[in-house]
Protein backbone atom coordinates (compact mmCIF):
# COMPACT_ATOMS: atom_id res chain seq x y z
CA MET A 1 0.00 0.00 0.00
CA GLY A 2 1.32 3.42 -0.87
CA MET A 3 1.02 6.53 1.20
CA ALA A 4 -2.50 7.92 1.28
CA GLU A 5 -1.48 11.34 -0.02
CA ASN A 6 -0.38 9.64 -3.26
CA HIS A 7 -3.72 7.94 -3.80
CA PRO A 8 -5.93 9.35 -6.58
CA PRO A 9 -9.25 10.80 -5.43
CA SER A 10 -11.17 7.85 -6.89
CA HIS A 11 -9.28 5.46 -4.57
CA ARG A 12 -10.09 7.53 -1.49
CA VAL A 13 -13.76 7.79 -2.49
CA ALA A 14 -14.00 4.05 -3.16
CA ARG A 15 -12.69 3.34 0.34
CA LEU A 16 -15.18 5.79 1.90
CA LEU A 17 -18.08 4.24 0.02
CA GLU A 18 -17.40 0.83 1.50
CA GLY A 19 -19.69 2.01 4.28
CA TYR A 20 -22.37 4.66 3.83
CA GLY A 21 -25.90 5.66 4.70
CA LEU A 22 -28.76 6.43 2.32
CA ILE A 23 -31.57 8.64 3.57
CA GLU A 24 -34.78 8.78 1.55
CA ALA A 25 -35.06 12.54 1.91
CA ARG A 26 -33.94 15.60 -0.01
CA TYR A 27 -30.43 16.87 0.57
CA ASP A 28 -31.57 20.30 1.78
CA HIS A 29 -34.05 18.70 4.17
CA CYS A 30 -31.30 16.55 5.69
CA VAL A 31 -28.95 19.50 6.12
CA GLN A 32 -31.71 21.45 7.90
CA ALA A 33 -32.21 18.53 10.30
CA LEU A 34 -28.58 18.57 11.50
CA GLY A 35 -29.20 20.89 14.42
CA GLY A 36 -31.62 18.59 16.25
CA ASP A 37 -30.73 16.17 19.03
CA GLU A 38 -32.55 13.18 17.55
CA ILE A 39 -29.79 12.09 15.16
CA THR A 40 -27.23 11.53 17.90
CA ARG A 41 -29.73 10.95 20.74
CA GLY A 42 -28.37 14.03 22.50
CA THR A 43 -24.82 12.74 23.09
CA SER A 44 -23.24 15.06 20.53
CA ILE A 45 -23.92 18.04 18.29
CA LEU A 46 -23.85 17.88 14.49
CA GLU A 47 -23.08 21.19 12.82
CA GLU A 48 -22.50 22.06 9.19
CA LYS A 49 -19.09 23.75 9.01
CA ASP A 50 -18.99 24.45 5.30
CA ARG A 51 -20.68 23.77 1.96
CA VAL A 52 -18.36 23.07 -0.99
CA ALA A 53 -18.89 22.30 -4.66
CA ASP A 54 -15.71 20.35 -5.36
CA ALA A 55 -15.08 16.69 -4.47
CA SER A 56 -11.42 17.29 -3.66
CA GLN A 57 -12.40 19.96 -1.12
CA ALA A 58 -14.85 17.53 0.44
CA LEU A 59 -12.19 14.82 0.71
CA ALA A 60 -9.76 17.29 2.30
CA PHE A 61 -12.28 17.68 5.14
CA PHE A 62 -11.34 14.16 6.22
CA SER A 63 -7.78 15.19 7.10
CA THR A 64 -7.83 12.92 10.15
CA TYR A 65 -9.73 9.81 11.21
CA THR A 66 -11.16 9.13 14.65
CA PHE A 67 -13.11 6.59 16.64
CA PRO A 68 -15.89 7.26 17.02
CA ALA A 69 -16.40 9.43 13.94
CA THR A 70 -16.19 13.21 14.33
CA ARG A 71 -16.80 14.34 10.74
CA GLN A 72 -19.39 13.54 8.10
CA ILE A 73 -20.00 14.43 4.48
CA LEU A 74 -23.56 14.67 3.18
CA PHE A 75 -24.26 14.87 -0.54
CA PRO A 76 -27.25 14.38 -2.88
CA ALA A 77 -27.49 10.89 -4.36
CA GLY A 78 -30.18 10.62 -6.98
CA GLU A 79 -33.70 12.02 -6.91
CA GLY A 80 -34.88 12.42 -3.33
CA TRP A 81 -31.99 10.61 -1.65
CA THR A 82 -29.04 11.82 0.45
CA CYS A 83 -25.82 9.89 1.07
CA VAL A 84 -23.69 10.12 4.25
CA VAL A 85 -20.10 8.99 4.85
CA ASN A 86 -17.91 9.61 7.91
CA ASN A 87 -14.31 9.58 9.11
CA SER A 88 -14.43 6.58 11.43
CA LYS A 89 -11.05 4.87 11.87
CA ASN A 90 -12.77 1.51 11.46
CA GLY A 91 -14.10 2.55 8.07
CA SER A 92 -17.03 4.79 7.23
CA ASP A 93 -20.19 3.23 8.68
CA PHE A 94 -23.75 4.50 9.16
CA ASN A 95 -24.52 2.03 11.95
CA ASP A 96 -24.58 4.58 14.80
CA TYR A 97 -26.74 7.05 12.87
CA SER A 98 -29.47 5.02 11.13
CA TRP A 99 -32.00 5.21 13.97
CA GLY A 100 -31.44 8.92 14.59
CA TRP A 101 -31.81 9.97 10.95
CA CYS A 102 -35.07 8.03 10.67
CA ARG A 103 -36.41 9.92 13.65
CA ALA A 104 -35.08 13.28 12.49
CA VAL A 105 -36.50 13.27 8.95
CA ARG A 106 -39.27 10.64 9.29
CA SER A 107 -37.96 8.75 6.28
CA ARG A 108 -36.61 5.33 5.42
CA VAL A 109 -32.85 4.87 5.65
CA LEU A 110 -30.40 2.25 4.49
CA ARG A 111 -27.12 1.24 6.04
CA VAL A 112 -24.83 -0.18 3.37
CA VAL A 113 -21.50 -1.96 3.93
CA ASP A 114 -19.55 -3.28 0.96
CA ASN A 115 -16.01 -4.04 2.14
CA LEU A 116 -13.38 -5.58 -0.07
CA PRO A 117 -10.59 -7.58 1.61
CA ILE A 118 -7.38 -5.63 2.22
CA VAL A 119 -4.12 -7.42 3.01
CA TRP A 120 -0.88 -5.55 3.72
CA LYS A 121 2.31 -7.35 2.67
CA LYS A 122 5.99 -6.58 3.06
CA GLY A 123 8.48 -9.39 2.53
CA SER A 124 7.45 -12.23 4.83
CA LEU A 125 5.12 -9.97 6.82
CA ARG A 126 1.40 -10.14 6.18
CA GLU A 127 -1.40 -8.28 7.98
CA VAL A 128 -5.12 -8.45 7.26
CA MET A 129 -6.26 -4.83 7.37
CA GLN A 130 -9.87 -5.46 6.43
CA TYR A 131 -12.12 -8.49 5.95
CA GLU A 132 -14.68 -8.80 3.18
CA ALA A 133 -18.24 -7.95 4.17
CA ARG A 134 -21.59 -7.09 2.64
CA ILE A 135 -24.32 -5.76 4.91
CA VAL A 136 -27.56 -3.96 4.20
CA GLU A 137 -30.12 -2.78 6.75
CA LEU A 138 -33.39 -1.12 5.84
CA LEU A 139 -35.24 0.92 8.50
CA ASP A 140 -38.69 2.37 8.00
CA GLU A 141 -39.96 5.85 8.91
CA ARG A 142 -40.49 4.74 12.53
CA ALA A 143 -36.88 3.51 12.78
CA GLN A 144 -37.97 -0.14 12.80
CA VAL A 145 -35.76 -2.66 11.01
CA VAL A 146 -37.67 -3.93 7.97
CA ARG A 147 -34.94 -6.13 6.51
CA ALA A 148 -31.31 -6.84 7.38
CA ILE A 149 -28.81 -9.05 5.55
CA THR A 150 -25.28 -9.78 6.76
CA CYS A 151 -22.77 -11.76 4.71
CA ALA A 152 -19.34 -11.16 6.23
CA ASN A 153 -15.96 -12.70 6.83
CA ASP A 154 -15.83 -12.45 10.60
CA GLY A 155 -12.10 -12.78 11.20
CA GLY A 156 -11.61 -15.83 9.00
CA ARG A 157 -15.02 -17.48 9.27
CA TRP A 158 -17.98 -16.35 7.19
CA SER A 159 -21.16 -15.38 9.02
CA TRP A 160 -24.67 -15.26 7.56
CA ARG A 161 -27.68 -13.56 9.17
CA LEU A 162 -31.12 -12.58 7.93
CA SER A 163 -33.89 -10.74 9.74
CA GLY A 164 -37.20 -9.30 8.67
CA GLU A 165 -39.33 -10.28 5.71
CA PRO A 166 -37.58 -10.79 2.34
CA LEU A 167 -38.21 -8.28 -0.41
CA PRO A 168 -39.42 -9.45 -3.85
CA VAL A 169 -36.01 -8.83 -5.43
CA GLU A 170 -34.45 -11.41 -3.09
CA SER A 171 -36.31 -14.30 -4.72
CA ALA A 172 -33.50 -14.53 -7.28
CA PHE A 173 -30.69 -14.56 -4.70
CA PRO A 174 -28.92 -17.91 -4.05
CA TYR A 175 -29.42 -18.04 -0.29
CA ASP A 176 -28.91 -21.82 -0.34
CA ALA A 177 -25.43 -21.58 -1.90
CA LYS A 178 -22.91 -23.84 -0.17
CA LYS A 179 -20.35 -21.05 0.19
CA VAL A 180 -21.68 -18.30 2.43
CA LYS A 181 -19.80 -15.61 0.50
CA ASP A 182 -21.77 -16.51 -2.65
CA ARG A 183 -25.19 -16.03 -1.05
CA PHE A 184 -25.06 -12.23 -1.15
CA THR A 185 -22.50 -10.78 -3.55
CA ARG A 186 -21.78 -7.18 -4.53
CA GLU A 187 -24.12 -7.68 -7.49
CA HIS A 188 -26.89 -8.88 -5.17
CA LEU A 189 -26.35 -5.86 -2.93
CA ARG A 190 -26.73 -3.51 -5.88
CA ALA A 191 -29.84 -5.38 -7.04
CA PHE A 192 -31.30 -5.05 -3.52
CA LEU A 193 -30.83 -1.27 -3.64
CA SER A 194 -32.29 -1.04 -7.14
CA GLY A 195 -35.33 -3.01 -5.92
CA LEU A 196 -35.99 -0.16 -3.48
CA SER A 197 -35.40 2.50 -6.15
CA ALA A 198 -32.38 3.56 -4.09
CA PRO A 199 -29.29 4.86 -5.88
CA VAL A 200 -26.16 2.75 -6.06
CA VAL A 201 -23.52 5.27 -5.01
CA ASP A 202 -20.06 4.84 -6.54
CA GLU A 203 -16.90 6.92 -6.84
CA GLU A 204 -17.97 8.44 -10.18
CA ALA A 205 -21.21 9.70 -8.65
CA PHE A 206 -19.29 11.26 -5.76
CA LEU A 207 -16.74 12.94 -8.03
CA ARG A 208 -19.50 14.32 -10.28
CA CYS A 209 -21.42 15.81 -7.37
CA ARG A 210 -21.47 19.61 -7.05
CA SER A 211 -22.60 20.10 -3.46
CA PHE A 212 -21.17 18.61 -0.28
CA SER A 213 -22.18 19.49 3.28
CA LEU A 214 -19.19 19.20 5.63
CA VAL A 215 -20.42 18.31 9.10
CA GLU A 216 -18.52 18.39 12.41
CA GLU A 217 -19.62 16.22 15.32
CA THR A 218 -18.76 17.46 18.82
CA TYR A 219 -19.39 15.15 21.77
CA LYS A 220 -20.87 16.84 24.82
CA ASP A 221 -18.55 14.97 27.21
CA GLY A 222 -15.43 17.17 27.08
CA ASP A 223 -13.05 14.52 28.43
CA TRP A 224 -14.29 12.00 25.89
CA MET A 225 -13.88 14.56 23.09
CA THR A 226 -10.29 15.23 24.20
CA ARG A 227 -9.46 11.51 24.16
CA ILE A 228 -10.99 11.08 20.71
CA ARG A 229 -8.93 13.93 19.27
CA ALA A 230 -5.73 12.70 20.95
CA ALA A 231 -6.09 9.33 19.24
CA ALA A 232 -6.86 10.76 15.79
CA CYS A 233 -4.68 9.58 12.92
CA THR A 234 -3.97 10.54 9.33
CA GLU A 235 -4.96 8.39 6.38
CA SER A 236 -1.32 7.35 5.92
CA GLU A 237 -1.22 6.11 9.52
CA LEU A 238 -4.55 4.37 9.03
CA GLU A 239 -3.08 2.36 6.17
CA ASN A 240 0.09 1.46 8.09
CA PRO A 241 -0.48 -1.66 10.25
CA ALA A 242 2.38 -0.55 12.52
CA HIS A 243 0.27 2.38 13.68
CA GLY A 244 -2.51 0.06 14.77
CA TYR A 245 -0.15 -2.00 16.91
CA TYR A 246 1.41 1.20 18.28
CA GLN A 247 -2.00 2.57 19.29
CA ARG A 248 -2.97 -0.72 20.89
CA GLY A 249 0.32 -0.78 22.76
CA LEU A 250 -0.38 2.69 24.12
CA GLY A 251 -3.62 1.33 25.49
CA TRP A 252 -1.61 -0.89 27.86
CA VAL A 253 0.75 1.85 29.09
CA ASP A 254 -1.39 2.88 32.07
CA HIS A 255 -1.60 -0.77 33.14
CA LEU A 256 1.92 -1.99 32.43
CA GLU A 257 2.37 -3.60 35.87
CA THR A 258 -0.20 -6.23 34.94
CA HIS A 259 -0.16 -6.09 31.14
CA PHE A 260 3.51 -5.61 30.25
CA SER A 261 3.56 -8.76 28.10
CA SER A 262 0.70 -7.46 25.93
CA ALA A 263 2.43 -4.08 25.54
CA ILE A 264 5.71 -5.75 24.59
CA ALA A 265 3.98 -7.92 21.98
CA ASP A 266 2.20 -4.96 20.36
CA PHE A 267 5.16 -2.60 20.41
CA GLU A 268 7.55 -5.23 19.06
CA LYS A 269 5.14 -6.03 16.23
CA ALA A 270 4.88 -2.34 15.37
CA LEU A 271 8.67 -2.04 15.20
CA LYS A 272 9.00 -5.15 13.08
CA ILE A 273 6.56 -3.72 10.56
CA ASP A 274 7.92 -0.16 10.63
CA PRO A 275 11.20 0.59 12.45
CA SER A 276 10.53 4.34 12.14
CA TYR A 277 8.23 4.00 15.17
CA GLU A 278 11.24 3.27 17.39
CA GLU A 279 11.52 6.79 18.79
CA LYS A 280 7.83 6.86 19.76
CA ILE A 281 7.95 3.41 21.31
CA ARG A 282 11.38 3.20 22.96
CA ARG A 283 10.62 4.52 26.46
CA HIS A 284 7.38 2.56 26.79
CA LEU A 285 9.03 -0.63 25.63
CA GLU A 286 12.03 -0.21 27.94
CA ARG A 287 9.69 0.21 30.92
CA ALA A 288 7.70 -2.87 29.90
CA TYR A 289 10.93 -4.88 29.63
CA ARG A 290 11.99 -3.75 33.13
CA LEU A 291 8.66 -4.83 34.59
CA SER A 292 8.88 -8.18 32.80
CA ARG A 293 12.21 -8.77 34.60
CA GLY A 294 10.71 -7.83 37.95
CA GLY A 295 12.29 -4.39 37.97
């Protein structure tokens, strides 16, 4: 994987659109609804910071990635539909917002996940950065789940879940296929959306768009907001598996007396993948080593 700043815009958009929300409401109506508490159930405030007409300006808004998400991009997606992506470290995902948007605009919403597998390789090193998954959830105007389909590689084992009543378009889907991954493919996901007259959003549609609402999310708990910002990372760091091990190692630092072995394992893995992290890791690792020797 190359550095994120060298990626063409279409690559960045394709990654964002692996997880998005579709709201069956006009773009302007959705933007007007941002100020209410219903979308986030009162835990945070969503505020439009800017409105831009260029896709590259919209992408620049995601200069950092956080968990949970702190930034969203809304844009029109077909007649009467609005699409939402966010800057979650774990990949853009509408899961935490589906219920709130239903309540805020009294419209149906769709959560769509269409992840391709991503494997990082360097010599003999190999890290799975993302597992393949296809998920769709349809909520009605009352925020009730009408239909949900999950076909996902859950860490090496495929999982398959259905809930709600099947839609007519599903009659042609091979739900009895021996291989779980074949029961609901990318083509089936697109057919499912088309059966609802929902747009299939792709990178070309995003790049052609001429209006993007850039939305900031501020959590009301100040300490929590500070921790979220402190753990933010750039897209380059997000694509470097060493950074993930480094961040996880930092999570053990306040508990090294009892978790020094976990910290050592994570920090050593980070250094093996990317030795440039040595300066950031050295003092933590030395302390963990001392504790492991009873010092």
